[in-house]
Amino acid sequence: MTDLSTLKLFATQPHPCSYINGEQATTVFVDPEAIVDVELYSQLSLLGFRRSGAHLYRPQCSNCQACMSCRIPVVLFKPNRSQRRCWHKNRDITITNVDRIDTLEHYNLYSRYIESRHQNGDMYPPSEEQYKAFLTSEWGSTRYLEFRVEGELVGVSVCDYLKDGLSAVYTFYAADLQERSLGKYAILAQIHRAQELGLSYVYLGYWIKQCDKMNYKTDYRPLELLINRRWLRLN
């Protein structure tokens, strides 16, 4: 186990929060020169850190504690009616675990997703350089779930394999297939994958009560939140 007391952290200057109007945000990053492996990454995930590209970060705002890390204990997970319906509706999807997503097919799906769903976001307009920097495999921990219908790629989930679970880094999919609810399906697929591997959790990143677009995370019950450095269950 790595001695975290020796790890250098760097904080950004306060900047406008992307999620709550009027709030100032500060982000703490792990030293980019640090040697990161799955062991260290897993330790930091327990403390609320997330990965974006080659960077590990955590919100650390002076006046706000709204960002809470959340995870699903997969052994206890009970799908609700809507989730069961989604899983059944997509029973024709073939899920494949792959090590690379560096083909034009993968990038084109990502590009269409960003252009249709996130034109107001930081990742617009999409580029191949940004795609590789954001979703590249880091520290030997990253794998990908491909979702295909009759051979056609309709979705990809980027997953980091930690000591105790999967970290759901990002999912992109064919946004025109709205009736399939592929975002919901992708989370269910990652829960199923963690169960297959005997892992305990799926980490979903941060949940902010005041942010409507994060409300979907509380649909997966039970959910655990990191509050004051303790993981507490939201039943």
C-alpha atoms as a PDB file:
ATOM      1  CA  MET A   1       0.000   0.000   0.000  1.00  0.00           C
ATOM      2  CA  THR A   2       1.344   3.428  -0.985  1.00  0.00           C
ATOM      3  CA  ASP A   3       2.081   5.984   1.728  1.00  0.00           C
ATOM      4  CA  LEU A   4      -0.301   8.737   0.668  1.00  0.00           C
ATOM      5  CA  SER A   5       1.371  11.242   2.991  1.00  0.00           C
ATOM      6  CA  THR A   6       4.262  11.480   0.518  1.00  0.00           C
ATOM      7  CA  LEU A   7       2.012  12.198  -2.472  1.00  0.00           C
ATOM      8  CA  LYS A   8       2.116  15.760  -3.769  1.00  0.00           C
ATOM      9  CA  LEU A   9      -1.176  17.486  -4.572  1.00  0.00           C
ATOM     10  CA  PHE A  10      -1.728  20.694  -6.517  1.00  0.00           C
ATOM     11  CA  ALA A  11      -4.806  22.922  -6.275  1.00  0.00           C
ATOM     12  CA  THR A  12      -6.250  25.164  -8.951  1.00  0.00           C
ATOM     13  CA  GLN A  13      -7.210  28.752  -8.333  1.00  0.00           C
ATOM     14  CA  PRO A  14     -10.919  29.206  -7.533  1.00  0.00           C
ATOM     15  CA  HIS A  15     -13.000  29.355 -10.700  1.00  0.00           C
ATOM     16  CA  PRO A  16     -16.737  29.463 -11.546  1.00  0.00           C
ATOM     17  CA  CYS A  17     -18.391  26.128 -10.814  1.00  0.00           C
ATOM     18  CA  SER A  18     -19.673  24.227 -13.838  1.00  0.00           C
ATOM     19  CA  TYR A  19     -22.590  22.745 -11.886  1.00  0.00           C
ATOM     20  CA  ILE A  20     -23.908  25.294  -9.384  1.00  0.00           C
ATOM     21  CA  ASN A  21     -24.440  28.886 -10.439  1.00  0.00           C
ATOM     22  CA  GLY A  22     -22.738  31.453  -8.237  1.00  0.00           C
ATOM     23  CA  GLU A  23     -20.337  28.996  -6.574  1.00  0.00           C
ATOM     24  CA  GLN A  24     -16.549  29.030  -6.848  1.00  0.00           C
ATOM     25  CA  ALA A  25     -14.830  25.693  -7.404  1.00  0.00           C
ATOM     26  CA  THR A  26     -11.338  24.486  -6.535  1.00  0.00           C
ATOM     27  CA  THR A  27      -9.910  21.226  -7.863  1.00  0.00           C
ATOM     28  CA  VAL A  28      -7.039  19.243  -6.369  1.00  0.00           C
ATOM     29  CA  PHE A  29      -4.845  17.217  -8.745  1.00  0.00           C
ATOM     30  CA  VAL A  30      -2.370  14.462  -7.998  1.00  0.00           C
ATOM     31  CA  ASP A  31       1.198  15.330  -8.994  1.00  0.00           C
ATOM     32  CA  PRO A  32       1.433  14.445 -12.732  1.00  0.00           C
ATOM     33  CA  GLU A  33       4.974  13.214 -12.088  1.00  0.00           C
ATOM     34  CA  ALA A  34       3.770  10.654  -9.528  1.00  0.00           C
ATOM     35  CA  ILE A  35       4.056   6.976 -10.442  1.00  0.00           C
ATOM     36  CA  VAL A  36       0.479   5.735 -10.485  1.00  0.00           C
ATOM     37  CA  ASP A  37      -0.493   2.064 -10.517  1.00  0.00           C
ATOM     38  CA  VAL A  38      -3.744   0.237  -9.849  1.00  0.00           C
ATOM     39  CA  GLU A  39      -2.965   0.013  -6.132  1.00  0.00           C
ATOM     40  CA  LEU A  40      -2.528   3.774  -5.730  1.00  0.00           C
ATOM     41  CA  TYR A  41      -5.435   4.545  -8.039  1.00  0.00           C
ATOM     42  CA  SER A  42      -7.682   2.277  -5.946  1.00  0.00           C
ATOM     43  CA  GLN A  43      -6.587   3.936  -2.710  1.00  0.00           C
ATOM     44  CA  LEU A  44      -7.321   7.372  -4.118  1.00  0.00           C
ATOM     45  CA  SER A  45     -10.733   6.293  -5.423  1.00  0.00           C
ATOM     46  CA  LEU A  46     -11.684   5.360  -1.872  1.00  0.00           C
ATOM     47  CA  LEU A  47     -10.908   8.985  -0.976  1.00  0.00           C
ATOM     48  CA  GLY A  48     -13.077  10.403  -3.738  1.00  0.00           C
ATOM     49  CA  PHE A  49     -10.579  10.931  -6.558  1.00  0.00           C
ATOM     50  CA  ARG A  50     -11.562  10.450 -10.203  1.00  0.00           C
ATOM     51  CA  ARG A  51      -9.625  10.092 -13.446  1.00  0.00           C
ATOM     52  CA  SER A  52      -9.844  12.380 -16.457  1.00  0.00           C
ATOM     53  CA  GLY A  53      -7.328  11.403 -19.095  1.00  0.00           C
ATOM     54  CA  ALA A  54      -3.967  11.030 -17.357  1.00  0.00           C
ATOM     55  CA  HIS A  55      -5.018  13.133 -14.359  1.00  0.00           C
ATOM     56  CA  LEU A  56      -6.449  12.161 -10.973  1.00  0.00           C
ATOM     57  CA  TYR A  57      -8.497  14.887  -9.326  1.00  0.00           C
ATOM     58  CA  ARG A  58     -10.978  15.695  -6.591  1.00  0.00           C
ATOM     59  CA  PRO A  59     -13.117  18.776  -5.882  1.00  0.00           C
ATOM     60  CA  GLN A  60     -11.952  20.641  -2.783  1.00  0.00           C
ATOM     61  CA  CYS A  61     -14.000  23.809  -2.563  1.00  0.00           C
ATOM     62  CA  SER A  62     -13.704  26.091   0.452  1.00  0.00           C
ATOM     63  CA  ASN A  63     -17.373  27.088   0.716  1.00  0.00           C
ATOM     64  CA  CYS A  64     -19.210  24.101  -0.730  1.00  0.00           C
ATOM     65  CA  GLN A  65     -19.310  20.344  -0.150  1.00  0.00           C
ATOM     66  CA  ALA A  66     -21.973  19.556  -2.743  1.00  0.00           C
ATOM     67  CA  CYS A  67     -19.858  17.163  -4.841  1.00  0.00           C
ATOM     68  CA  MET A  68     -20.108  13.712  -3.274  1.00  0.00           C
ATOM     69  CA  SER A  69     -18.468  10.597  -4.658  1.00  0.00           C
ATOM     70  CA  CYS A  70     -20.955   7.781  -5.174  1.00  0.00           C
ATOM     71  CA  ARG A  71     -20.728   4.061  -5.806  1.00  0.00           C
ATOM     72  CA  ILE A  72     -23.082   1.109  -6.215  1.00  0.00           C
ATOM     73  CA  PRO A  73     -22.508  -1.983  -4.020  1.00  0.00           C
ATOM     74  CA  VAL A  74     -23.227  -4.444  -6.807  1.00  0.00           C
ATOM     75  CA  VAL A  75     -24.038  -7.487  -4.670  1.00  0.00           C
ATOM     76  CA  LEU A  76     -26.883  -5.569  -3.051  1.00  0.00           C
ATOM     77  CA  PHE A  77     -28.111  -3.827  -6.206  1.00  0.00           C
ATOM     78  CA  LYS A  78     -31.787  -4.362  -6.991  1.00  0.00           C
ATOM     79  CA  PRO A  79     -32.931  -3.097 -10.411  1.00  0.00           C
ATOM     80  CA  ASN A  80     -36.180  -1.168 -10.396  1.00  0.00           C
ATOM     81  CA  ARG A  81     -38.971  -1.741 -12.910  1.00  0.00           C
ATOM     82  CA  SER A  82     -37.598   0.775 -15.395  1.00  0.00           C
ATOM     83  CA  GLN A  83     -34.115  -0.755 -15.249  1.00  0.00           C
ATOM     84  CA  ARG A  84     -35.473  -4.277 -15.707  1.00  0.00           C
ATOM     85  CA  ARG A  85     -37.471  -3.069 -18.705  1.00  0.00           C
ATOM     86  CA  CYS A  86     -34.377  -1.399 -20.175  1.00  0.00           C
ATOM     87  CA  TRP A  87     -32.263  -4.539 -19.761  1.00  0.00           C
ATOM     88  CA  HIS A  88     -34.958  -6.702 -21.380  1.00  0.00           C
ATOM     89  CA  LYS A  89     -35.532  -4.254 -24.233  1.00  0.00           C
ATOM     90  CA  ASN A  90     -31.846  -4.411 -25.148  1.00  0.00           C
ATOM     91  CA  ARG A  91     -31.458  -8.177 -24.969  1.00  0.00           C
ATOM     92  CA  ASP A  92     -30.366  -8.115 -28.634  1.00  0.00           C
ATOM     93  CA  ILE A  93     -27.231  -6.140 -27.747  1.00  0.00           C
ATOM     94  CA  THR A  94     -23.944  -8.047 -27.792  1.00  0.00           C
ATOM     95  CA  ILE A  95     -21.464  -6.898 -25.134  1.00  0.00           C
ATOM     96  CA  THR A  96     -17.758  -7.434 -25.774  1.00  0.00           C
ATOM     97  CA  ASN A  97     -14.809  -6.568 -23.532  1.00  0.00           C
ATOM     98  CA  VAL A  98     -12.016  -5.000 -25.597  1.00  0.00           C
ATOM     99  CA  ASP A  99      -8.604  -3.521 -24.840  1.00  0.00           C
ATOM    100  CA  ARG A 100      -8.570  -0.735 -27.439  1.00  0.00           C
ATOM    101  CA  ILE A 101     -10.934   1.820 -28.945  1.00  0.00           C
ATOM    102  CA  ASP A 102      -8.534   3.496 -31.363  1.00  0.00           C
ATOM    103  CA  THR A 103     -10.359   2.807 -34.630  1.00  0.00           C
ATOM    104  CA  LEU A 104     -12.225   5.282 -36.808  1.00  0.00           C
ATOM    105  CA  GLU A 105     -15.447   3.422 -35.989  1.00  0.00           C
ATOM    106  CA  HIS A 106     -15.030   4.188 -32.291  1.00  0.00           C
ATOM    107  CA  TYR A 107     -14.041   7.812 -32.830  1.00  0.00           C
ATOM    108  CA  ASN A 108     -16.902   8.502 -35.249  1.00  0.00           C
ATOM    109  CA  LEU A 109     -19.431   7.244 -32.689  1.00  0.00           C
ATOM    110  CA  TYR A 110     -17.834   9.452 -30.017  1.00  0.00           C
ATOM    111  CA  SER A 111     -17.826  12.472 -32.338  1.00  0.00           C
ATOM    112  CA  ARG A 112     -21.514  12.048 -33.209  1.00  0.00           C
ATOM    113  CA  TYR A 113     -22.359  11.665 -29.535  1.00  0.00           C
ATOM    114  CA  ILE A 114     -20.568  14.875 -28.507  1.00  0.00           C
ATOM    115  CA  GLU A 115     -22.056  16.823 -31.408  1.00  0.00           C
ATOM    116  CA  SER A 116     -25.600  15.692 -30.600  1.00  0.00           C
ATOM    117  CA  ARG A 117     -25.544  15.731 -26.798  1.00  0.00           C
ATOM    118  CA  HIS A 118     -22.828  18.113 -25.558  1.00  0.00           C
ATOM    119  CA  GLN A 119     -22.602  21.135 -27.817  1.00  0.00           C
ATOM    120  CA  ASN A 120     -22.443  23.389 -24.749  1.00  0.00           C
ATOM    121  CA  GLY A 121     -19.801  21.314 -22.977  1.00  0.00           C
ATOM    122  CA  ASP A 122     -16.033  21.506 -22.616  1.00  0.00           C
ATOM    123  CA  MET A 123     -15.525  18.637 -25.084  1.00  0.00           C
ATOM    124  CA  TYR A 124     -17.191  20.425 -27.999  1.00  0.00           C
ATOM    125  CA  PRO A 125     -16.144  20.433 -30.755  1.00  0.00           C
ATOM    126  CA  PRO A 126     -14.709  16.900 -30.649  1.00  0.00           C
ATOM    127  CA  SER A 127     -11.271  16.103 -32.027  1.00  0.00           C
ATOM    128  CA  GLU A 128      -9.200  12.937 -32.319  1.00  0.00           C
ATOM    129  CA  GLU A 129      -6.485  14.436 -30.121  1.00  0.00           C
ATOM    130  CA  GLN A 130      -8.988  15.239 -27.373  1.00  0.00           C
ATOM    131  CA  TYR A 131     -10.580  11.799 -27.732  1.00  0.00           C
ATOM    132  CA  LYS A 132      -7.269  10.010 -27.222  1.00  0.00           C
ATOM    133  CA  ALA A 133      -6.217  12.262 -24.325  1.00  0.00           C
ATOM    134  CA  PHE A 134      -9.532  11.868 -22.506  1.00  0.00           C
ATOM    135  CA  LEU A 135     -10.298   8.176 -22.985  1.00  0.00           C
ATOM    136  CA  THR A 136      -6.869   6.630 -23.398  1.00  0.00           C
ATOM    137  CA  SER A 137      -5.907   3.623 -21.299  1.00  0.00           C
ATOM    138  CA  GLU A 138      -3.949   4.667 -18.226  1.00  0.00           C
ATOM    139  CA  TRP A 139      -1.739   2.675 -15.843  1.00  0.00           C
ATOM    140  CA  GLY A 140      -2.862  -0.664 -17.249  1.00  0.00           C
ATOM    141  CA  SER A 141      -6.253  -0.359 -15.564  1.00  0.00           C
ATOM    142  CA  THR A 142      -8.575   0.622 -18.427  1.00  0.00           C
ATOM    143  CA  ARG A 143     -10.820  -1.667 -20.463  1.00  0.00           C
ATOM    144  CA  TYR A 144     -13.831  -1.013 -22.661  1.00  0.00           C
ATOM    145  CA  LEU A 145     -17.299  -2.497 -23.068  1.00  0.00           C
ATOM    146  CA  GLU A 146     -18.516  -2.436 -26.654  1.00  0.00           C
ATOM    147  CA  PHE A 147     -22.233  -2.584 -27.336  1.00  0.00           C
ATOM    148  CA  ARG A 148     -23.269  -3.848 -30.778  1.00  0.00           C
ATOM    149  CA  VAL A 149     -26.562  -4.616 -32.511  1.00  0.00           C
ATOM    150  CA  GLU A 150     -26.177  -6.997 -35.454  1.00  0.00           C
ATOM    151  CA  GLY A 151     -22.512  -6.037 -35.629  1.00  0.00           C
ATOM    152  CA  GLU A 152     -23.086  -2.271 -35.603  1.00  0.00           C
ATOM    153  CA  LEU A 153     -21.347  -0.348 -32.819  1.00  0.00           C
ATOM    154  CA  VAL A 154     -23.998   1.523 -30.798  1.00  0.00           C
ATOM    155  CA  GLY A 155     -22.139   2.297 -27.560  1.00  0.00           C
ATOM    156  CA  VAL A 156     -18.897   2.147 -25.597  1.00  0.00           C
ATOM    157  CA  SER A 157     -18.284   2.306 -21.847  1.00  0.00           C
ATOM    158  CA  VAL A 158     -14.800   3.214 -20.630  1.00  0.00           C
ATOM    159  CA  CYS A 159     -14.095   1.350 -17.366  1.00  0.00           C
ATOM    160  CA  ASP A 160     -11.122   1.478 -15.033  1.00  0.00           C
ATOM    161  CA  TYR A 161     -10.537  -1.766 -13.158  1.00  0.00           C
ATOM    162  CA  LEU A 162      -9.749  -1.035  -9.510  1.00  0.00           C
ATOM    163  CA  LYS A 163      -8.929  -3.412  -6.674  1.00  0.00           C
ATOM    164  CA  ASP A 164     -12.496  -3.315  -5.364  1.00  0.00           C
ATOM    165  CA  GLY A 165     -14.593  -2.347  -8.351  1.00  0.00           C
ATOM    166  CA  LEU A 166     -15.064  -0.709 -11.710  1.00  0.00           C
ATOM    167  CA  SER A 167     -14.821   3.030 -12.144  1.00  0.00           C
ATOM    168  CA  ALA A 168     -17.268   4.214 -14.814  1.00  0.00           C
ATOM    169  CA  VAL A 169     -15.093   6.802 -16.567  1.00  0.00           C
ATOM    170  CA  TYR A 170     -17.288   7.682 -19.545  1.00  0.00           C
ATOM    171  CA  THR A 171     -19.928   6.274 -21.874  1.00  0.00           C
ATOM    172  CA  PHE A 172     -20.798   7.388 -25.387  1.00  0.00           C
ATOM    173  CA  TYR A 173     -23.436   5.922 -27.654  1.00  0.00           C
ATOM    174  CA  ALA A 174     -25.742   6.379 -30.623  1.00  0.00           C
ATOM    175  CA  ALA A 175     -27.876   9.233 -29.336  1.00  0.00           C
ATOM    176  CA  ASP A 176     -30.522   8.701 -32.016  1.00  0.00           C
ATOM    177  CA  LEU A 177     -31.510   5.367 -30.428  1.00  0.00           C
ATOM    178  CA  GLN A 178     -33.383   7.129 -27.628  1.00  0.00           C
ATOM    179  CA  GLU A 179     -35.903   4.327 -27.200  1.00  0.00           C
ATOM    180  CA  ARG A 180     -33.093   2.022 -26.017  1.00  0.00           C
ATOM    181  CA  SER A 181     -31.996   4.263 -23.086  1.00  0.00           C
ATOM    182  CA  LEU A 182     -28.384   3.300 -23.770  1.00  0.00           C
ATOM    183  CA  GLY A 183     -26.983   5.452 -20.966  1.00  0.00           C
ATOM    184  CA  LYS A 184     -29.037   3.510 -18.441  1.00  0.00           C
ATOM    185  CA  TYR A 185     -28.204   0.230 -20.132  1.00  0.00           C
ATOM    186  CA  ALA A 186     -24.471   0.966 -19.975  1.00  0.00           C
ATOM    187  CA  ILE A 187     -24.559   1.376 -16.197  1.00  0.00           C
ATOM    188  CA  LEU A 188     -26.493  -1.868 -15.840  1.00  0.00           C
ATOM    189  CA  ALA A 189     -23.914  -3.589 -18.048  1.00  0.00           C
ATOM    190  CA  GLN A 190     -21.077  -2.328 -15.858  1.00  0.00           C
ATOM    191  CA  ILE A 191     -22.882  -3.539 -12.735  1.00  0.00           C
ATOM    192  CA  HIS A 192     -23.299  -6.935 -14.395  1.00  0.00           C
ATOM    193  CA  ARG A 193     -19.608  -6.983 -15.364  1.00  0.00           C
ATOM    194  CA  ALA A 194     -18.508  -6.162 -11.807  1.00  0.00           C
ATOM    195  CA  GLN A 195     -20.729  -8.955 -10.491  1.00  0.00           C
ATOM    196  CA  GLU A 196     -19.180 -11.400 -12.976  1.00  0.00           C
ATOM    197  CA  LEU A 197     -15.682 -10.466 -11.790  1.00  0.00           C
ATOM    198  CA  GLY A 198     -16.565 -10.710  -8.105  1.00  0.00           C
ATOM    199  CA  LEU A 199     -15.889  -6.995  -7.560  1.00  0.00           C
ATOM    200  CA  SER A 200     -17.740  -5.029  -4.904  1.00  0.00           C
ATOM    201  CA  TYR A 201     -18.577  -1.686  -6.490  1.00  0.00           C
ATOM    202  CA  VAL A 202     -19.225   0.400  -9.551  1.00  0.00           C
ATOM    203  CA  TYR A 203     -17.972   3.941  -8.952  1.00  0.00           C
ATOM    204  CA  LEU A 204     -20.189   6.518 -10.689  1.00  0.00           C
ATOM    205  CA  GLY A 205     -18.184   9.661 -10.028  1.00  0.00           C
ATOM    206  CA  TYR A 206     -19.727  12.666  -8.301  1.00  0.00           C
ATOM    207  CA  TRP A 207     -23.333  13.316  -7.386  1.00  0.00           C
ATOM    208  CA  ILE A 208     -24.623  16.828  -6.724  1.00  0.00           C
ATOM    209  CA  LYS A 209     -28.099  17.098  -5.269  1.00  0.00           C
ATOM    210  CA  GLN A 210     -28.701  20.519  -6.850  1.00  0.00           C
ATOM    211  CA  CYS A 211     -27.663  19.321 -10.327  1.00  0.00           C
ATOM    212  CA  ASP A 212     -30.636  17.870 -12.211  1.00  0.00           C
ATOM    213  CA  LYS A 213     -28.532  16.082 -14.826  1.00  0.00           C
ATOM    214  CA  MET A 214     -26.969  13.960 -12.061  1.00  0.00           C
ATOM    215  CA  ASN A 215     -30.288  12.813 -10.602  1.00  0.00           C
ATOM    216  CA  TYR A 216     -30.164   9.561 -12.567  1.00  0.00           C
ATOM    217  CA  LYS A 217     -27.401   8.258 -10.275  1.00  0.00           C
ATOM    218  CA  THR A 218     -29.769   7.958  -7.331  1.00  0.00           C
ATOM    219  CA  ASP A 219     -31.940   5.565  -9.367  1.00  0.00           C
ATOM    220  CA  TYR A 220     -29.370   2.825  -8.675  1.00  0.00           C
ATOM    221  CA  ARG A 221     -30.054   1.550  -5.182  1.00  0.00           C
ATOM    222  CA  PRO A 222     -28.595   1.069  -2.771  1.00  0.00           C
ATOM    223  CA  LEU A 223     -26.135   3.893  -3.434  1.00  0.00           C
ATOM    224  CA  GLU A 224     -23.187   4.804  -1.204  1.00  0.00           C
ATOM    225  CA  LEU A 225     -21.986   8.391  -0.775  1.00  0.00           C
ATOM    226  CA  LEU A 226     -18.620   9.556   0.541  1.00  0.00           C
ATOM    227  CA  ILE A 227     -19.469  11.995   3.335  1.00  0.00           C
ATOM    228  CA  ASN A 228     -16.787  13.309   5.679  1.00  0.00           C
ATOM    229  CA  ARG A 229     -14.422  10.551   4.490  1.00  0.00           C
ATOM    230  CA  ARG A 230     -16.923   7.803   5.286  1.00  0.00           C
ATOM    231  CA  TRP A 231     -18.930   5.781   2.790  1.00  0.00           C
ATOM    232  CA  LEU A 232     -22.565   5.937   3.910  1.00  0.00           C
ATOM    233  CA  ARG A 233     -25.439   4.041   2.299  1.00  0.00           C
ATOM    234  CA  LEU A 234     -28.372   5.811   0.716  1.00  0.00           C
ATOM    235  CA  ASN A 235     -31.045   3.077   0.701  1.00  0.00           C
END
